[in-house]
């Protein structure tokens, strides 16, 4: 593939790195030519990686093994696969549920456990959101709730289920059928996370972009993938996602969230997951929904996802910070030599 900085989506990153004097080159990856990419990466001082956890039926297992080998040779890699496993899976929602951004959250380590425990949680008449261990773009994320005063012809439980993938609509299906759909999510080391549905979802999601432990910008979007249709309307009339609007880290309306994230939640996350600041990704993001209002009337926030594997697009304000952090990390990782310069 004839890849150049100009024909890719990261031109501004290339330009910012170039302004710092670093020589840069793109590397296009596929499992079919991973050895060729490994040889390329072994010749540089640092690697920034954008690769989805699941893409075209493939996962990152081959890529991550190669990146571990590259990192072990002394090349700076962000994000290191071991840090992705701590931060970039849905299990982080369970492990960090007590740091201040959590809600009623549970972990199902097996299909049998979910079959045992989910019915009782649905019986509270509160909707739940179930998320597969690794995924993106709504794949494996479901909103489920009981259809009250109704049962299947066989006497089983009837639920409302909506997959968050684009184009999906709410369905009424037997709970046993839903369990069958979830079986693939438990393959291998798979598992699922169960969170309480946040009723302020229609007010939008705030994405906080971070460079290491500092907020580098925000995105705000009406994420309606799990919003119900208006009362009396058919499922296909549910609201559609709106555009994501990007903002610099100084925008006034997001300062309370920024301060909590930088001063409280990220340090607590690091303690729980045993991640030093220097190991945090050069670029990552935390997605927040609005939780119940506090007694004071202030908003609370609930973490719904952390993205690490392939954070793109992102605010322009983050670009110079990404470049500066990358340069600093390369110098720290390779003290015996300066980064490759133009």
C-alpha atoms as a PDB file:
ATOM      1  CA  UNK A   1       0.000   0.000   0.000  1.00  0.00           C
ATOM      2  CA  UNK A   2       1.356   3.416  -0.965  1.00  0.00           C
ATOM      3  CA  UNK A   3       0.814   5.098   2.401  1.00  0.00           C
ATOM      4  CA  UNK A   4       1.993   8.650   2.962  1.00  0.00           C
ATOM      5  CA  UNK A   5       1.243  11.164   5.721  1.00  0.00           C
ATOM      6  CA  UNK A   6      -0.738  13.199   3.198  1.00  0.00           C
ATOM      7  CA  UNK A   7      -3.193  10.439   2.253  1.00  0.00           C
ATOM      8  CA  UNK A   8      -3.927   9.328   5.823  1.00  0.00           C
ATOM      9  CA  UNK A   9      -6.049  10.691   8.660  1.00  0.00           C
ATOM     10  CA  UNK A  10      -3.123  11.649  10.906  1.00  0.00           C
ATOM     11  CA  UNK A  11      -1.464  14.321   8.778  1.00  0.00           C
ATOM     12  CA  UNK A  12      -1.656  16.922  11.585  1.00  0.00           C
ATOM     13  CA  UNK A  13       0.126  14.529  13.944  1.00  0.00           C
ATOM     14  CA  UNK A  14       2.889  13.958  11.385  1.00  0.00           C
ATOM     15  CA  UNK A  15       3.238  17.707  10.938  1.00  0.00           C
ATOM     16  CA  UNK A  16       3.390  18.375  14.687  1.00  0.00           C
ATOM     17  CA  UNK A  17       6.048  15.714  15.173  1.00  0.00           C
ATOM     18  CA  UNK A  18       8.004  17.159  12.267  1.00  0.00           C
ATOM     19  CA  UNK A  19       7.987  20.606  13.890  1.00  0.00           C
ATOM     20  CA  UNK A  20       9.752  19.030  16.863  1.00  0.00           C
ATOM     21  CA  UNK A  21      12.441  17.701  14.542  1.00  0.00           C
ATOM     22  CA  UNK A  22      11.370  14.072  14.442  1.00  0.00           C
ATOM     23  CA  UNK A  23      11.509  12.078  11.217  1.00  0.00           C
ATOM     24  CA  UNK A  24       8.233  10.195  10.740  1.00  0.00           C
ATOM     25  CA  UNK A  25       6.807   7.515   8.479  1.00  0.00           C
ATOM     26  CA  UNK A  26       3.467   5.653   8.284  1.00  0.00           C
ATOM     27  CA  UNK A  27       3.219   1.915   8.859  1.00  0.00           C
ATOM     28  CA  UNK A  28       0.124   0.146   7.544  1.00  0.00           C
ATOM     29  CA  UNK A  29      -0.605  -3.073   9.423  1.00  0.00           C
ATOM     30  CA  UNK A  30      -2.327  -6.344   8.549  1.00  0.00           C
ATOM     31  CA  UNK A  31      -1.858  -9.779  10.094  1.00  0.00           C
ATOM     32  CA  UNK A  32      -0.912 -11.150   6.667  1.00  0.00           C
ATOM     33  CA  UNK A  33       2.296  -9.080   6.584  1.00  0.00           C
ATOM     34  CA  UNK A  34       3.007  -8.587  10.284  1.00  0.00           C
ATOM     35  CA  UNK A  35       6.641  -9.698   9.917  1.00  0.00           C
ATOM     36  CA  UNK A  36       7.261  -6.957   7.374  1.00  0.00           C
ATOM     37  CA  UNK A  37       5.782  -4.349   9.707  1.00  0.00           C
ATOM     38  CA  UNK A  38       7.801  -5.719  12.637  1.00  0.00           C
ATOM     39  CA  UNK A  39      11.021  -5.208  10.680  1.00  0.00           C
ATOM     40  CA  UNK A  40       9.961  -1.630   9.917  1.00  0.00           C
ATOM     41  CA  UNK A  41       9.143  -0.852  13.553  1.00  0.00           C
ATOM     42  CA  UNK A  42      12.400  -2.301  14.808  1.00  0.00           C
ATOM     43  CA  UNK A  43      14.210   0.474  12.909  1.00  0.00           C
ATOM     44  CA  UNK A  44      12.521   3.419  14.647  1.00  0.00           C
ATOM     45  CA  UNK A  45      12.603   4.940  18.128  1.00  0.00           C
ATOM     46  CA  UNK A  46       8.875   5.159  18.780  1.00  0.00           C
ATOM     47  CA  UNK A  47       5.536   3.870  17.504  1.00  0.00           C
ATOM     48  CA  UNK A  48       2.053   5.360  17.858  1.00  0.00           C
ATOM     49  CA  UNK A  49      -0.570   2.702  17.182  1.00  0.00           C
ATOM     50  CA  UNK A  50      -4.163   3.044  15.997  1.00  0.00           C
ATOM     51  CA  UNK A  51      -5.821  -0.381  15.576  1.00  0.00           C
ATOM     52  CA  UNK A  52      -9.325  -1.449  16.610  1.00  0.00           C
ATOM     53  CA  UNK A  53      -9.622  -4.394  19.028  1.00  0.00           C
ATOM     54  CA  UNK A  54     -11.878  -6.249  16.569  1.00  0.00           C
ATOM     55  CA  UNK A  55     -11.837  -5.556  12.833  1.00  0.00           C
ATOM     56  CA  UNK A  56     -13.076  -7.643   9.933  1.00  0.00           C
ATOM     57  CA  UNK A  57     -13.364 -10.768  12.064  1.00  0.00           C
ATOM     58  CA  UNK A  58      -9.806 -10.426  13.362  1.00  0.00           C
ATOM     59  CA  UNK A  59      -8.567  -9.407  16.810  1.00  0.00           C
ATOM     60  CA  UNK A  60      -5.310  -7.821  17.932  1.00  0.00           C
ATOM     61  CA  UNK A  61      -3.603 -10.987  19.171  1.00  0.00           C
ATOM     62  CA  UNK A  62      -0.989 -11.164  16.404  1.00  0.00           C
ATOM     63  CA  UNK A  63      -0.446  -7.399  16.377  1.00  0.00           C
ATOM     64  CA  UNK A  64      -0.118  -7.216  20.164  1.00  0.00           C
ATOM     65  CA  UNK A  65       2.421 -10.053  20.271  1.00  0.00           C
ATOM     66  CA  UNK A  66       4.484  -8.214  17.674  1.00  0.00           C
ATOM     67  CA  UNK A  67       4.206  -4.890  19.540  1.00  0.00           C
ATOM     68  CA  UNK A  68       5.363  -6.536  22.779  1.00  0.00           C
ATOM     69  CA  UNK A  69       8.442  -7.785  20.936  1.00  0.00           C
ATOM     70  CA  UNK A  70       9.096  -4.328  19.494  1.00  0.00           C
ATOM     71  CA  UNK A  71       8.686  -2.676  22.894  1.00  0.00           C
ATOM     72  CA  UNK A  72      10.989  -5.231  24.543  1.00  0.00           C
ATOM     73  CA  UNK A  73      13.726  -4.191  22.108  1.00  0.00           C
ATOM     74  CA  UNK A  74      13.658  -0.650  23.530  1.00  0.00           C
ATOM     75  CA  UNK A  75      11.297   1.027  21.055  1.00  0.00           C
ATOM     76  CA  UNK A  76       8.673   3.246  22.705  1.00  0.00           C
ATOM     77  CA  UNK A  77       5.171   1.893  21.913  1.00  0.00           C
ATOM     78  CA  UNK A  78       1.917   3.665  22.716  1.00  0.00           C
ATOM     79  CA  UNK A  79      -0.301   2.230  23.684  1.00  0.00           C
ATOM     80  CA  UNK A  80       1.530  -0.854  24.988  1.00  0.00           C
ATOM     81  CA  UNK A  81      -0.720  -3.927  24.713  1.00  0.00           C
ATOM     82  CA  UNK A  82      -0.398  -4.675  28.433  1.00  0.00           C
ATOM     83  CA  UNK A  83      -1.774  -1.225  29.277  1.00  0.00           C
ATOM     84  CA  UNK A  84      -4.606  -1.697  26.766  1.00  0.00           C
ATOM     85  CA  UNK A  85      -5.626  -4.844  28.643  1.00  0.00           C
ATOM     86  CA  UNK A  86      -5.844  -2.817  31.850  1.00  0.00           C
ATOM     87  CA  UNK A  87      -7.538   0.284  30.437  1.00  0.00           C
ATOM     88  CA  UNK A  88      -9.118  -0.508  27.103  1.00  0.00           C
ATOM     89  CA  UNK A  89     -11.539  -3.325  27.883  1.00  0.00           C
ATOM     90  CA  UNK A  90     -15.010  -3.017  29.390  1.00  0.00           C
ATOM     91  CA  UNK A  91     -13.779  -4.772  32.519  1.00  0.00           C
ATOM     92  CA  UNK A  92     -12.247  -1.458  33.593  1.00  0.00           C
ATOM     93  CA  UNK A  93     -15.809  -0.302  34.338  1.00  0.00           C
ATOM     94  CA  UNK A  94     -16.098  -3.023  36.954  1.00  0.00           C
ATOM     95  CA  UNK A  95     -12.610  -2.746  38.418  1.00  0.00           C
ATOM     96  CA  UNK A  96     -12.851   1.040  38.862  1.00  0.00           C
ATOM     97  CA  UNK A  97     -16.521   1.230  39.854  1.00  0.00           C
ATOM     98  CA  UNK A  98     -15.622   2.673  43.275  1.00  0.00           C
ATOM     99  CA  UNK A  99     -13.265   5.494  42.231  1.00  0.00           C
ATOM    100  CA  UNK A 100     -16.098   8.045  41.940  1.00  0.00           C
ATOM    101  CA  UNK A 101     -17.292   7.623  38.359  1.00  0.00           C
ATOM    102  CA  UNK A 102     -19.054   4.275  38.751  1.00  0.00           C
ATOM    103  CA  UNK A 103     -22.646   3.082  39.052  1.00  0.00           C
ATOM    104  CA  UNK A 104     -24.332  -0.244  39.829  1.00  0.00           C
ATOM    105  CA  UNK A 105     -21.921  -2.485  37.897  1.00  0.00           C
ATOM    106  CA  UNK A 106     -21.383  -6.246  37.743  1.00  0.00           C
ATOM    107  CA  UNK A 107     -19.067  -8.659  35.951  1.00  0.00           C
ATOM    108  CA  UNK A 108     -20.222 -11.902  34.326  1.00  0.00           C
ATOM    109  CA  UNK A 109     -17.240 -14.200  33.881  1.00  0.00           C
ATOM    110  CA  UNK A 110     -19.269 -16.941  32.230  1.00  0.00           C
ATOM    111  CA  UNK A 111     -22.518 -17.494  30.370  1.00  0.00           C
ATOM    112  CA  UNK A 112     -23.725 -19.652  33.258  1.00  0.00           C
ATOM    113  CA  UNK A 113     -23.173 -16.804  35.722  1.00  0.00           C
ATOM    114  CA  UNK A 114     -25.107 -14.370  33.540  1.00  0.00           C
ATOM    115  CA  UNK A 115     -27.996 -16.830  33.219  1.00  0.00           C
ATOM    116  CA  UNK A 116     -28.108 -17.119  37.013  1.00  0.00           C
ATOM    117  CA  UNK A 117     -27.785 -13.461  37.966  1.00  0.00           C
ATOM    118  CA  UNK A 118     -29.253 -11.277  35.207  1.00  0.00           C
ATOM    119  CA  UNK A 119     -32.932 -12.312  35.661  1.00  0.00           C
ATOM    120  CA  UNK A 120     -32.959 -11.058  39.260  1.00  0.00           C
ATOM    121  CA  UNK A 121     -31.509  -7.714  38.196  1.00  0.00           C
ATOM    122  CA  UNK A 122     -34.073  -7.376  35.429  1.00  0.00           C
ATOM    123  CA  UNK A 123     -36.822  -8.165  37.932  1.00  0.00           C
ATOM    124  CA  UNK A 124     -36.230  -4.753  39.539  1.00  0.00           C
ATOM    125  CA  UNK A 125     -37.874  -3.285  36.393  1.00  0.00           C
ATOM    126  CA  UNK A 126     -34.761  -1.182  35.781  1.00  0.00           C
ATOM    127  CA  UNK A 127     -33.087  -1.508  32.380  1.00  0.00           C
ATOM    128  CA  UNK A 128     -29.530  -2.818  32.209  1.00  0.00           C
ATOM    129  CA  UNK A 129     -26.755  -2.208  29.703  1.00  0.00           C
ATOM    130  CA  UNK A 130     -24.604  -5.241  28.889  1.00  0.00           C
ATOM    131  CA  UNK A 131     -21.213  -4.836  27.197  1.00  0.00           C
ATOM    132  CA  UNK A 132     -18.856  -7.407  25.766  1.00  0.00           C
ATOM    133  CA  UNK A 133     -15.265  -7.451  27.027  1.00  0.00           C
ATOM    134  CA  UNK A 134     -13.688  -5.959  23.884  1.00  0.00           C
ATOM    135  CA  UNK A 135     -15.340  -4.204  20.974  1.00  0.00           C
ATOM    136  CA  UNK A 136     -16.053  -0.854  19.354  1.00  0.00           C
ATOM    137  CA  UNK A 137     -18.788   1.112  17.573  1.00  0.00           C
ATOM    138  CA  UNK A 138     -21.528  -0.375  19.733  1.00  0.00           C
ATOM    139  CA  UNK A 139     -20.762  -3.985  18.793  1.00  0.00           C
ATOM    140  CA  UNK A 140     -21.727  -6.234  21.705  1.00  0.00           C
ATOM    141  CA  UNK A 141     -23.440  -3.456  23.692  1.00  0.00           C
ATOM    142  CA  UNK A 142     -27.099  -4.136  24.572  1.00  0.00           C
ATOM    143  CA  UNK A 143     -29.836  -2.375  26.493  1.00  0.00           C
ATOM    144  CA  UNK A 144     -32.231  -4.920  28.005  1.00  0.00           C
ATOM    145  CA  UNK A 145     -35.336  -4.635  30.159  1.00  0.00           C
ATOM    146  CA  UNK A 146     -38.386  -6.688  31.050  1.00  0.00           C
ATOM    147  CA  UNK A 147     -41.610  -6.526  29.097  1.00  0.00           C
ATOM    148  CA  UNK A 148     -43.878  -6.248  32.124  1.00  0.00           C
ATOM    149  CA  UNK A 149     -46.947  -8.464  32.443  1.00  0.00           C
ATOM    150  CA  UNK A 150     -45.882 -10.509  29.441  1.00  0.00           C
ATOM    151  CA  UNK A 151     -44.302 -13.880  28.883  1.00  0.00           C
ATOM    152  CA  UNK A 152     -43.389 -16.108  25.977  1.00  0.00           C
ATOM    153  CA  UNK A 153     -45.840 -18.851  24.929  1.00  0.00           C
ATOM    154  CA  UNK A 154     -43.637 -21.358  26.767  1.00  0.00           C
ATOM    155  CA  UNK A 155     -43.916 -19.350  29.963  1.00  0.00           C
ATOM    156  CA  UNK A 156     -40.455 -17.827  29.687  1.00  0.00           C
ATOM    157  CA  UNK A 157     -39.440 -14.221  30.251  1.00  0.00           C
ATOM    158  CA  UNK A 158     -39.944 -11.645  27.491  1.00  0.00           C
ATOM    159  CA  UNK A 159     -37.521  -8.725  27.269  1.00  0.00           C
ATOM    160  CA  UNK A 160     -36.926  -5.608  25.238  1.00  0.00           C
ATOM    161  CA  UNK A 161     -33.438  -5.733  23.735  1.00  0.00           C
ATOM    162  CA  UNK A 162     -31.624  -3.189  21.604  1.00  0.00           C
ATOM    163  CA  UNK A 163     -28.157  -3.644  20.143  1.00  0.00           C
ATOM    164  CA  UNK A 164     -26.133  -0.426  20.024  1.00  0.00           C
ATOM    165  CA  UNK A 165     -24.701  -1.143  16.558  1.00  0.00           C
ATOM    166  CA  UNK A 166     -25.782   1.407  13.998  1.00  0.00           C
ATOM    167  CA  UNK A 167     -29.029   0.465  12.271  1.00  0.00           C
ATOM    168  CA  UNK A 168     -30.350  -1.807  15.015  1.00  0.00           C
ATOM    169  CA  UNK A 169     -33.790  -1.295  16.580  1.00  0.00           C
ATOM    170  CA  UNK A 170     -35.463  -2.448  19.767  1.00  0.00           C
ATOM    171  CA  UNK A 171     -36.880  -5.978  19.701  1.00  0.00           C
ATOM    172  CA  UNK A 172     -39.098  -7.994  21.993  1.00  0.00           C
ATOM    173  CA  UNK A 173     -37.519 -11.434  22.354  1.00  0.00           C
ATOM    174  CA  UNK A 174     -37.430 -14.278  24.896  1.00  0.00           C
ATOM    175  CA  UNK A 175     -34.673 -13.920  27.466  1.00  0.00           C
ATOM    176  CA  UNK A 176     -33.360 -17.352  26.485  1.00  0.00           C
ATOM    177  CA  UNK A 177     -32.971 -16.160  22.893  1.00  0.00           C
ATOM    178  CA  UNK A 178     -31.012 -13.142  24.117  1.00  0.00           C
ATOM    179  CA  UNK A 179     -28.716 -15.404  26.116  1.00  0.00           C
ATOM    180  CA  UNK A 180     -28.090 -17.355  22.914  1.00  0.00           C
ATOM    181  CA  UNK A 181     -27.053 -14.181  21.122  1.00  0.00           C
ATOM    182  CA  UNK A 182     -24.564 -13.450  23.894  1.00  0.00           C
ATOM    183  CA  UNK A 183     -22.857 -16.855  23.774  1.00  0.00           C
ATOM    184  CA  UNK A 184     -20.119 -15.652  21.337  1.00  0.00           C
ATOM    185  CA  UNK A 185     -19.090 -12.891  23.754  1.00  0.00           C
ATOM    186  CA  UNK A 186     -17.872 -15.534  26.220  1.00  0.00           C
ATOM    187  CA  UNK A 187     -15.594 -17.337  23.759  1.00  0.00           C
ATOM    188  CA  UNK A 188     -12.021 -17.740  24.947  1.00  0.00           C
ATOM    189  CA  UNK A 189     -11.413 -15.264  27.763  1.00  0.00           C
ATOM    190  CA  UNK A 190     -14.598 -13.338  26.943  1.00  0.00           C
ATOM    191  CA  UNK A 191     -16.904 -11.912  29.579  1.00  0.00           C
ATOM    192  CA  UNK A 192     -19.593  -9.243  29.898  1.00  0.00           C
ATOM    193  CA  UNK A 193     -20.099  -6.157  32.037  1.00  0.00           C
ATOM    194  CA  UNK A 194     -23.546  -5.211  33.361  1.00  0.00           C
ATOM    195  CA  UNK A 195     -24.286  -1.559  34.208  1.00  0.00           C
ATOM    196  CA  UNK A 196     -27.444   0.239  35.253  1.00  0.00           C
ATOM    197  CA  UNK A 197     -28.995   2.166  32.347  1.00  0.00           C
ATOM    198  CA  UNK A 198     -28.490   5.934  32.715  1.00  0.00           C
ATOM    199  CA  UNK A 199     -31.772   7.738  32.099  1.00  0.00           C
ATOM    200  CA  UNK A 200     -30.069  11.044  31.198  1.00  0.00           C
ATOM    201  CA  UNK A 201     -28.532   9.429  28.109  1.00  0.00           C
ATOM    202  CA  UNK A 202     -30.618  11.666  25.776  1.00  0.00           C
ATOM    203  CA  UNK A 203     -28.692  14.672  27.171  1.00  0.00           C
ATOM    204  CA  UNK A 204     -25.565  13.400  25.439  1.00  0.00           C
ATOM    205  CA  UNK A 205     -22.159  11.906  26.125  1.00  0.00           C
ATOM    206  CA  UNK A 206     -19.008  13.855  26.984  1.00  0.00           C
ATOM    207  CA  UNK A 207     -15.716  12.413  25.763  1.00  0.00           C
ATOM    208  CA  UNK A 208     -12.619  13.587  27.608  1.00  0.00           C
ATOM    209  CA  UNK A 209      -9.424  13.226  25.583  1.00  0.00           C
ATOM    210  CA  UNK A 210      -6.287  12.778  27.660  1.00  0.00           C
ATOM    211  CA  UNK A 211      -2.577  12.939  26.970  1.00  0.00           C
ATOM    212  CA  UNK A 212      -1.106  10.865  29.790  1.00  0.00           C
ATOM    213  CA  UNK A 213      -2.881  12.235  32.898  1.00  0.00           C
ATOM    214  CA  UNK A 214      -3.987  15.628  31.542  1.00  0.00           C
ATOM    215  CA  UNK A 215      -7.166  16.495  29.654  1.00  0.00           C
ATOM    216  CA  UNK A 216      -6.306  17.663  26.128  1.00  0.00           C
ATOM    217  CA  UNK A 217      -9.803  18.386  24.817  1.00  0.00           C
ATOM    218  CA  UNK A 218     -13.443  17.372  24.806  1.00  0.00           C
ATOM    219  CA  UNK A 219     -16.050  15.975  22.478  1.00  0.00           C
ATOM    220  CA  UNK A 220     -19.790  16.155  23.066  1.00  0.00           C
ATOM    221  CA  UNK A 221     -22.335  14.105  21.165  1.00  0.00           C
ATOM    222  CA  UNK A 222     -25.964  13.051  21.359  1.00  0.00           C
ATOM    223  CA  UNK A 223     -25.262   9.309  21.487  1.00  0.00           C
ATOM    224  CA  UNK A 224     -28.724   7.845  20.979  1.00  0.00           C
ATOM    225  CA  UNK A 225     -27.877   4.260  20.094  1.00  0.00           C
ATOM    226  CA  UNK A 226     -29.734   2.963  23.163  1.00  0.00           C
ATOM    227  CA  UNK A 227     -32.403   5.669  23.456  1.00  0.00           C
ATOM    228  CA  UNK A 228     -35.978   4.410  23.151  1.00  0.00           C
ATOM    229  CA  UNK A 229     -38.449   5.628  20.546  1.00  0.00           C
ATOM    230  CA  UNK A 230     -40.995   8.217  21.688  1.00  0.00           C
ATOM    231  CA  UNK A 231     -44.001   6.777  23.523  1.00  0.00           C
ATOM    232  CA  UNK A 232     -46.349   5.111  21.073  1.00  0.00           C
ATOM    233  CA  UNK A 233     -43.910   5.313  18.164  1.00  0.00           C
ATOM    234  CA  UNK A 234     -42.450   2.261  16.393  1.00  0.00           C
ATOM    235  CA  UNK A 235     -38.891   1.173  17.357  1.00  0.00           C
ATOM    236  CA  UNK A 236     -37.422   2.510  14.097  1.00  0.00           C
ATOM    237  CA  UNK A 237     -38.407   6.047  15.167  1.00  0.00           C
ATOM    238  CA  UNK A 238     -35.815   6.052  17.961  1.00  0.00           C
ATOM    239  CA  UNK A 239     -33.511   9.110  17.777  1.00  0.00           C
ATOM    240  CA  UNK A 240     -30.357   8.849  15.691  1.00  0.00           C
ATOM    241  CA  UNK A 241     -26.837   9.832  16.832  1.00  0.00           C
ATOM    242  CA  UNK A 242     -25.939  13.477  16.376  1.00  0.00           C
ATOM    243  CA  UNK A 243     -22.579  14.936  15.320  1.00  0.00           C
ATOM    244  CA  UNK A 244     -19.726  15.072  17.834  1.00  0.00           C
ATOM    245  CA  UNK A 245     -18.628  18.632  18.561  1.00  0.00           C
ATOM    246  CA  UNK A 246     -15.008  19.147  19.593  1.00  0.00           C
ATOM    247  CA  UNK A 247     -13.722  21.624  22.154  1.00  0.00           C
ATOM    248  CA  UNK A 248     -10.349  22.668  23.630  1.00  0.00           C
ATOM    249  CA  UNK A 249      -9.530  21.736  27.240  1.00  0.00           C
ATOM    250  CA  UNK A 250     -10.245  25.310  28.386  1.00  0.00           C
ATOM    251  CA  UNK A 251     -13.972  25.383  27.501  1.00  0.00           C
ATOM    252  CA  UNK A 252     -15.716  26.679  30.668  1.00  0.00           C
ATOM    253  CA  UNK A 253     -18.657  24.283  30.805  1.00  0.00           C
ATOM    254  CA  UNK A 254     -16.468  21.193  31.175  1.00  0.00           C
ATOM    255  CA  UNK A 255     -14.075  22.485  33.854  1.00  0.00           C
ATOM    256  CA  UNK A 256     -15.735  20.699  36.814  1.00  0.00           C
ATOM    257  CA  UNK A 257     -15.444  17.386  34.970  1.00  0.00           C
ATOM    258  CA  UNK A 258     -11.848  18.151  33.957  1.00  0.00           C
ATOM    259  CA  UNK A 259     -10.843  18.916  37.531  1.00  0.00           C
ATOM    260  CA  UNK A 260     -12.436  15.749  38.915  1.00  0.00           C
ATOM    261  CA  UNK A 261     -10.821  13.635  36.221  1.00  0.00           C
ATOM    262  CA  UNK A 262      -7.309  15.041  36.634  1.00  0.00           C
ATOM    263  CA  UNK A 263      -7.266  15.495  40.414  1.00  0.00           C
ATOM    264  CA  UNK A 264      -9.280  12.509  41.622  1.00  0.00           C
ATOM    265  CA  UNK A 265     -10.357   9.884  39.135  1.00  0.00           C
ATOM    266  CA  UNK A 266      -7.224   9.340  37.023  1.00  0.00           C
ATOM    267  CA  UNK A 267      -4.951   9.081  40.098  1.00  0.00           C
ATOM    268  CA  UNK A 268      -7.438   6.631  41.658  1.00  0.00           C
ATOM    269  CA  UNK A 269      -7.543   4.657  38.396  1.00  0.00           C
ATOM    270  CA  UNK A 270      -3.753   4.447  38.407  1.00  0.00           C
ATOM    271  CA  UNK A 271      -3.718   3.123  41.968  1.00  0.00           C
ATOM    272  CA  UNK A 272      -6.384   0.492  41.311  1.00  0.00           C
ATOM    273  CA  UNK A 273      -4.787  -0.732  38.073  1.00  0.00           C
ATOM    274  CA  UNK A 274      -1.160  -0.198  39.120  1.00  0.00           C
ATOM    275  CA  UNK A 275      -0.262   2.083  36.197  1.00  0.00           C
ATOM    276  CA  UNK A 276       2.495   4.672  36.540  1.00  0.00           C
ATOM    277  CA  UNK A 277       1.933   8.040  34.870  1.00  0.00           C
ATOM    278  CA  UNK A 278       4.710   7.249  32.408  1.00  0.00           C
ATOM    279  CA  UNK A 279       2.822   4.123  31.332  1.00  0.00           C
ATOM    280  CA  UNK A 280      -0.409   5.945  30.544  1.00  0.00           C
ATOM    281  CA  UNK A 281      -1.206   6.218  26.828  1.00  0.00           C
ATOM    282  CA  UNK A 282      -0.023   9.196  24.821  1.00  0.00           C
ATOM    283  CA  UNK A 283      -3.655   9.544  23.731  1.00  0.00           C
ATOM    284  CA  UNK A 284      -6.774   7.984  25.261  1.00  0.00           C
ATOM    285  CA  UNK A 285     -10.286   9.025  26.162  1.00  0.00           C
ATOM    286  CA  UNK A 286     -12.935   8.541  28.826  1.00  0.00           C
ATOM    287  CA  UNK A 287     -16.618   8.638  27.874  1.00  0.00           C
ATOM    288  CA  UNK A 288     -19.083   9.964  30.441  1.00  0.00           C
ATOM    289  CA  UNK A 289     -22.855   9.988  30.679  1.00  0.00           C
ATOM    290  CA  UNK A 290     -24.742  12.226  33.057  1.00  0.00           C
ATOM    291  CA  UNK A 291     -25.783  10.424  36.219  1.00  0.00           C
ATOM    292  CA  UNK A 292     -28.399  11.497  38.797  1.00  0.00           C
ATOM    293  CA  UNK A 293     -28.169  15.077  39.992  1.00  0.00           C
ATOM    294  CA  UNK A 294     -26.618  15.507  43.411  1.00  0.00           C
ATOM    295  CA  UNK A 295     -28.565  16.995  46.324  1.00  0.00           C
ATOM    296  CA  UNK A 296     -26.798  20.283  45.555  1.00  0.00           C
ATOM    297  CA  UNK A 297     -28.200  20.219  42.017  1.00  0.00           C
ATOM    298  CA  UNK A 298     -24.770  19.568  40.475  1.00  0.00           C
ATOM    299  CA  UNK A 299     -24.339  16.947  37.799  1.00  0.00           C
ATOM    300  CA  UNK A 300     -22.794  13.583  38.517  1.00  0.00           C
ATOM    301  CA  UNK A 301     -20.983  11.583  35.851  1.00  0.00           C
ATOM    302  CA  UNK A 302     -20.888   7.877  35.041  1.00  0.00           C
ATOM    303  CA  UNK A 303     -18.051   6.320  33.067  1.00  0.00           C
ATOM    304  CA  UNK A 304     -19.408   4.226  30.198  1.00  0.00           C
ATOM    305  CA  UNK A 305     -16.196   3.437  28.289  1.00  0.00           C
ATOM    306  CA  UNK A 306     -12.456   4.051  28.004  1.00  0.00           C
ATOM    307  CA  UNK A 307     -10.976   4.067  24.494  1.00  0.00           C
ATOM    308  CA  UNK A 308      -7.296   3.316  24.046  1.00  0.00           C
ATOM    309  CA  UNK A 309      -6.785   1.110  20.999  1.00  0.00           C
ATOM    310  CA  UNK A 310      -7.779   3.559  18.245  1.00  0.00           C
ATOM    311  CA  UNK A 311      -8.688   7.054  19.443  1.00  0.00           C
ATOM    312  CA  UNK A 312      -9.664   8.981  16.316  1.00  0.00           C
ATOM    313  CA  UNK A 313     -10.740  11.594  15.469  1.00  0.00           C
ATOM    314  CA  UNK A 314      -9.765  13.932  18.281  1.00  0.00           C
ATOM    315  CA  UNK A 315      -9.698  17.710  18.887  1.00  0.00           C
ATOM    316  CA  UNK A 316      -7.045  19.761  17.123  1.00  0.00           C
ATOM    317  CA  UNK A 317      -6.053  21.106  20.544  1.00  0.00           C
ATOM    318  CA  UNK A 318      -4.714  17.651  21.427  1.00  0.00           C
ATOM    319  CA  UNK A 319      -2.336  17.397  18.457  1.00  0.00           C
ATOM    320  CA  UNK A 320       0.644  19.458  19.775  1.00  0.00           C
ATOM    321  CA  UNK A 321       0.287  17.823  23.193  1.00  0.00           C
ATOM    322  CA  UNK A 322       0.409  14.360  21.613  1.00  0.00           C
ATOM    323  CA  UNK A 323       3.543  15.337  19.684  1.00  0.00           C
ATOM    324  CA  UNK A 324       5.287  16.798  22.739  1.00  0.00           C
ATOM    325  CA  UNK A 325       4.452  13.786  24.888  1.00  0.00           C
ATOM    326  CA  UNK A 326       5.642  11.395  22.174  1.00  0.00           C
ATOM    327  CA  UNK A 327       8.955  13.208  21.838  1.00  0.00           C
ATOM    328  CA  UNK A 328       9.480  13.187  25.596  1.00  0.00           C
ATOM    329  CA  UNK A 329       8.650   9.495  25.901  1.00  0.00           C
ATOM    330  CA  UNK A 330      10.992   8.554  23.059  1.00  0.00           C
ATOM    331  CA  UNK A 331      13.837  10.441  24.701  1.00  0.00           C
ATOM    332  CA  UNK A 332      13.112   8.747  28.029  1.00  0.00           C
ATOM    333  CA  UNK A 333      12.867   5.297  26.431  1.00  0.00           C
ATOM    334  CA  UNK A 334      16.087   5.650  24.450  1.00  0.00           C
ATOM    335  CA  UNK A 335      18.511   7.599  26.674  1.00  0.00           C
ATOM    336  CA  UNK A 336      21.479   6.069  24.874  1.00  0.00           C
ATOM    337  CA  UNK A 337      20.508   7.726  21.594  1.00  0.00           C
ATOM    338  CA  UNK A 338      18.566  10.738  20.386  1.00  0.00           C
ATOM    339  CA  UNK A 339      15.339  10.160  18.418  1.00  0.00           C
ATOM    340  CA  UNK A 340      15.711   9.850  14.670  1.00  0.00           C
ATOM    341  CA  UNK A 341      15.944  13.391  13.327  1.00  0.00           C
ATOM    342  CA  UNK A 342      15.454  14.956   9.964  1.00  0.00           C
END
